[in-house]
C-alpha atoms as a PDB file:
ATOM      1  CA  MET A   1     151.297 128.978 -14.693  1.00  0.00           C
ATOM      2  CA  LYS A   2     152.011 132.220 -12.856  1.00  0.00           C
ATOM      3  CA  THR A   3     154.967 134.286 -13.927  1.00  0.00           C
ATOM      4  CA  ILE A   4     156.986 136.537 -11.665  1.00  0.00           C
ATOM      5  CA  ARG A   5     155.081 139.490 -13.162  1.00  0.00           C
ATOM      6  CA  ASP A   6     151.780 138.005 -11.949  1.00  0.00           C
ATOM      7  CA  THR A   7     152.997 137.725  -8.369  1.00  0.00           C
ATOM      8  CA  LEU A   8     154.509 141.186  -7.810  1.00  0.00           C
ATOM      9  CA  PRO A   9     152.620 144.320  -6.740  1.00  0.00           C
ATOM     10  CA  SER A  10     153.508 147.729  -8.209  1.00  0.00           C
ATOM     11  CA  PHE A  11     155.075 149.854  -5.493  1.00  0.00           C
ATOM     12  CA  ILE A  12     158.488 151.093  -6.594  1.00  0.00           C
ATOM     13  CA  ASP A  13     159.771 153.943  -8.742  1.00  0.00           C
ATOM     14  CA  ARG A  14     162.500 154.090 -11.358  1.00  0.00           C
ATOM     15  CA  SER A  15     165.246 155.199  -8.969  1.00  0.00           C
ATOM     16  CA  GLN A  16     164.566 152.215  -6.704  1.00  0.00           C
ATOM     17  CA  THR A  17     164.649 149.896  -9.715  1.00  0.00           C
ATOM     18  CA  GLU A  18     167.982 151.316 -10.860  1.00  0.00           C
ATOM     19  CA  THR A  19     169.487 151.137  -7.377  1.00  0.00           C
ATOM     20  CA  VAL A  20     168.504 147.479  -6.919  1.00  0.00           C
ATOM     21  CA  LEU A  21     170.001 146.654 -10.331  1.00  0.00           C
ATOM     22  CA  TYR A  22     173.188 148.564  -9.506  1.00  0.00           C
ATOM     23  CA  ARG A  23     173.570 146.778  -6.181  1.00  0.00           C
ATOM     24  CA  ALA A  24     172.908 143.371  -7.756  1.00  0.00           C
ATOM     25  CA  ALA A  25     175.604 144.124 -10.347  1.00  0.00           C
ATOM     26  CA  VAL A  26     178.116 145.155  -7.673  1.00  0.00           C
ATOM     27  CA  SER A  27     177.284 142.043  -5.664  1.00  0.00           C
ATOM     28  CA  ALA A  28     177.651 139.804  -8.709  1.00  0.00           C
ATOM     29  CA  LEU A  29     181.063 141.279  -9.482  1.00  0.00           C
ATOM     30  CA  THR A  30     182.365 141.099  -5.924  1.00  0.00           C
ATOM     31  CA  TRP A  31     180.660 138.024  -4.443  1.00  0.00           C
ATOM     32  CA  ARG A  32     182.959 135.472  -2.871  1.00  0.00           C
ATOM     33  CA  ALA A  33     181.515 132.871  -0.554  1.00  0.00           C
ATOM     34  CA  ASP A  34     184.771 132.754   1.401  1.00  0.00           C
ATOM     35  CA  ALA A  35     185.167 136.552   1.730  1.00  0.00           C
ATOM     36  CA  GLU A  36     184.954 136.745   5.521  1.00  0.00           C
ATOM     37  CA  PRO A  37     183.480 134.765   8.399  1.00  0.00           C
ATOM     38  CA  GLY A  38     179.806 135.440   8.961  1.00  0.00           C
ATOM     39  CA  TYR A  39     179.325 136.968   5.513  1.00  0.00           C
ATOM     40  CA  SER A  40     176.468 135.374   3.588  1.00  0.00           C
ATOM     41  CA  ILE A  41     174.549 135.549   0.350  1.00  0.00           C
ATOM     42  CA  GLU A  42     171.506 136.507   2.426  1.00  0.00           C
ATOM     43  CA  ASP A  43     173.380 139.628   3.576  1.00  0.00           C
ATOM     44  CA  GLU A  44     174.013 140.514  -0.061  1.00  0.00           C
ATOM     45  CA  GLN A  45     170.381 139.882  -0.944  1.00  0.00           C
ATOM     46  CA  ARG A  46     169.189 142.174   1.851  1.00  0.00           C
ATOM     47  CA  TRP A  47     171.607 144.897   0.759  1.00  0.00           C
ATOM     48  CA  CYS A  48     170.448 144.644  -2.863  1.00  0.00           C
ATOM     49  CA  LEU A  49     166.766 144.865  -1.924  1.00  0.00           C
ATOM     50  CA  ALA A  50     167.139 147.554   0.773  1.00  0.00           C
ATOM     51  CA  PRO A  51     166.237 150.402  -1.636  1.00  0.00           C
ATOM     52  CA  LEU A  52     162.705 149.002  -1.840  1.00  0.00           C
ATOM     53  CA  ARG A  53     162.146 150.598   1.607  1.00  0.00           C
ATOM     54  CA  GLY A  54     159.524 148.448   3.249  1.00  0.00           C
ATOM     55  CA  VAL A  55     157.999 147.012   0.066  1.00  0.00           C
ATOM     56  CA  ASP A  56     157.993 143.229   0.298  1.00  0.00           C
ATOM     57  CA  PRO A  57     159.384 142.091  -3.055  1.00  0.00           C
ATOM     58  CA  GLY A  58     158.130 138.553  -2.534  1.00  0.00           C
ATOM     59  CA  LEU A  59     159.963 135.275  -2.565  1.00  0.00           C
ATOM     60  CA  PRO A  60     160.360 135.013  -6.369  1.00  0.00           C
ATOM     61  CA  LEU A  61     162.278 138.293  -6.540  1.00  0.00           C
ATOM     62  CA  ARG A  62     164.365 137.448  -3.470  1.00  0.00           C
ATOM     63  CA  VAL A  63     165.393 134.159  -5.079  1.00  0.00           C
ATOM     64  CA  LEU A  64     166.064 135.862  -8.393  1.00  0.00           C
ATOM     65  CA  VAL A  65     168.415 138.387  -6.762  1.00  0.00           C
ATOM     66  CA  VAL A  66     170.447 135.561  -5.227  1.00  0.00           C
ATOM     67  CA  GLU A  67     170.487 133.647  -8.519  1.00  0.00           C
ATOM     68  CA  THR A  68     171.663 136.794 -10.326  1.00  0.00           C
ATOM     69  CA  ILE A  69     174.487 137.336  -7.846  1.00  0.00           C
ATOM     70  CA  LEU A  70     175.632 133.725  -8.245  1.00  0.00           C
ATOM     71  CA  ASP A  71     175.176 133.541 -12.047  1.00  0.00           C
ATOM     72  CA  PRO A  72     174.659 137.001 -13.544  1.00  0.00           C
ATOM     73  CA  SER A  73     174.928 136.031 -17.193  1.00  0.00           C
ATOM     74  CA  ARG A  74     172.085 133.550 -16.825  1.00  0.00           C
ATOM     75  CA  ASN A  75     169.721 135.619 -14.654  1.00  0.00           C
ATOM     76  CA  CYS A  76     170.334 139.317 -15.312  1.00  0.00           C
ATOM     77  CA  ALA A  77     167.676 139.789 -17.992  1.00  0.00           C
ATOM     78  CA  GLU A  78     165.032 138.105 -15.854  1.00  0.00           C
ATOM     79  CA  LEU A  79     165.931 140.327 -12.883  1.00  0.00           C
ATOM     80  CA  VAL A  80     165.560 143.437 -15.043  1.00  0.00           C
ATOM     81  CA  GLN A  81     162.166 142.217 -16.285  1.00  0.00           C
ATOM     82  CA  ALA A  82     160.992 141.428 -12.755  1.00  0.00           C
ATOM     83  CA  LEU A  83     161.969 144.861 -11.459  1.00  0.00           C
ATOM     84  CA  VAL A  84     160.315 146.607 -14.397  1.00  0.00           C
ATOM     85  CA  ALA A  85     157.190 144.549 -13.742  1.00  0.00           C
ATOM     86  CA  LEU A  86     157.292 145.564 -10.089  1.00  0.00           C
ATOM     87  CA  ARG A  87     157.659 149.190 -11.112  1.00  0.00           C
ATOM     88  CA  ASP A  88     155.053 149.181 -13.886  1.00  0.00           C
ATOM     89  CA  GLY A  89     152.547 146.851 -12.292  1.00  0.00           C
END
């Protein structure tokens, strides 16, 4: 069975990792599905992953960011591990 670490290339640095984590934390603390018309979890996901600047994080990390926003206590540690894996290769 492949893990998220097996599916991610190494292309990001520490500052990108920290910025994605910061944005995911802000999103998790402020997310409300009914915040405003046209606002979506996909918008939040894109904002969180924007610091990766052209690096495709892959579907597993995209899903994990959304899961972390919706349930941070359950998914935060896995998001940190995935970003470290992406950074360290």
